[in-house]
Amino acid sequence: MSELKREPPRSDKIFLKCVSNKYRLNATARRAVAAARLARVVALATV
């Protein structure tokens, strides 16, 4: 824990940015998967 306290606050900001980017990527990936599933269901329904 003492090592973490020694790190500059700038690294904290970078870490937070990375985490938020990861969450954003996960959200877009989930949306893409949901859209693909929806398209698949629609395609199956029309055939």
Protein backbone atom coordinates (compact mmCIF):
# COMPACT_ATOMS: atom_id res chain seq x y z
CA MET A 1 0.00 0.00 0.00
CA SER A 2 2.87 2.40 0.81
CA GLU A 3 4.25 1.90 -2.73
CA LEU A 4 0.94 2.95 -4.24
CA LYS A 5 0.96 6.14 -2.17
CA ARG A 6 4.42 7.05 -3.51
CA GLU A 7 3.22 7.05 -7.13
CA PRO A 8 2.37 10.46 -8.59
CA PRO A 9 -1.32 11.33 -9.01
CA ARG A 10 -0.79 11.58 -12.78
CA SER A 11 -0.51 7.78 -13.04
CA ASP A 12 -3.89 7.59 -11.26
CA LYS A 13 -5.46 9.70 -13.99
CA ILE A 14 -3.92 7.53 -16.72
CA PHE A 15 -5.16 4.41 -14.93
CA LEU A 16 -8.68 5.85 -14.66
CA LYS A 17 -8.60 6.75 -18.35
CA CYS A 18 -7.57 3.20 -19.25
CA VAL A 19 -10.35 1.76 -17.08
CA SER A 20 -13.00 4.05 -18.61
CA ASN A 21 -11.74 3.18 -22.11
CA LYS A 22 -12.01 -0.52 -21.27
CA TYR A 23 -15.59 -0.06 -20.07
CA ARG A 24 -16.43 1.90 -23.21
CA LEU A 25 -14.95 -0.85 -25.40
CA ASN A 26 -16.96 -3.46 -23.49
CA ALA A 27 -20.16 -1.43 -23.97
CA THR A 28 -19.59 -1.03 -27.72
CA ALA A 29 -18.70 -4.72 -28.05
CA ARG A 30 -21.90 -5.70 -26.22
CA ARG A 31 -23.92 -3.39 -28.47
CA ALA A 32 -22.31 -4.91 -31.56
CA VAL A 33 -23.07 -8.44 -30.32
CA ALA A 34 -26.66 -7.47 -29.52
CA ALA A 35 -27.08 -5.88 -32.96
CA ALA A 36 -25.64 -8.98 -34.64
CA ARG A 37 -28.01 -11.24 -32.69
CA LEU A 38 -30.96 -9.01 -33.58
CA ALA A 39 -30.01 -9.04 -37.27
CA ARG A 40 -29.68 -12.84 -37.13
CA VAL A 41 -33.12 -13.23 -35.54
CA VAL A 42 -34.67 -10.90 -38.13
CA ALA A 43 -32.95 -12.81 -40.96
CA LEU A 44 -34.22 -16.13 -39.59
CA ALA A 45 -37.73 -14.71 -39.20
CA THR A 46 -37.89 -13.41 -42.77
CA VAL A 47 -36.64 -16.69 -44.31
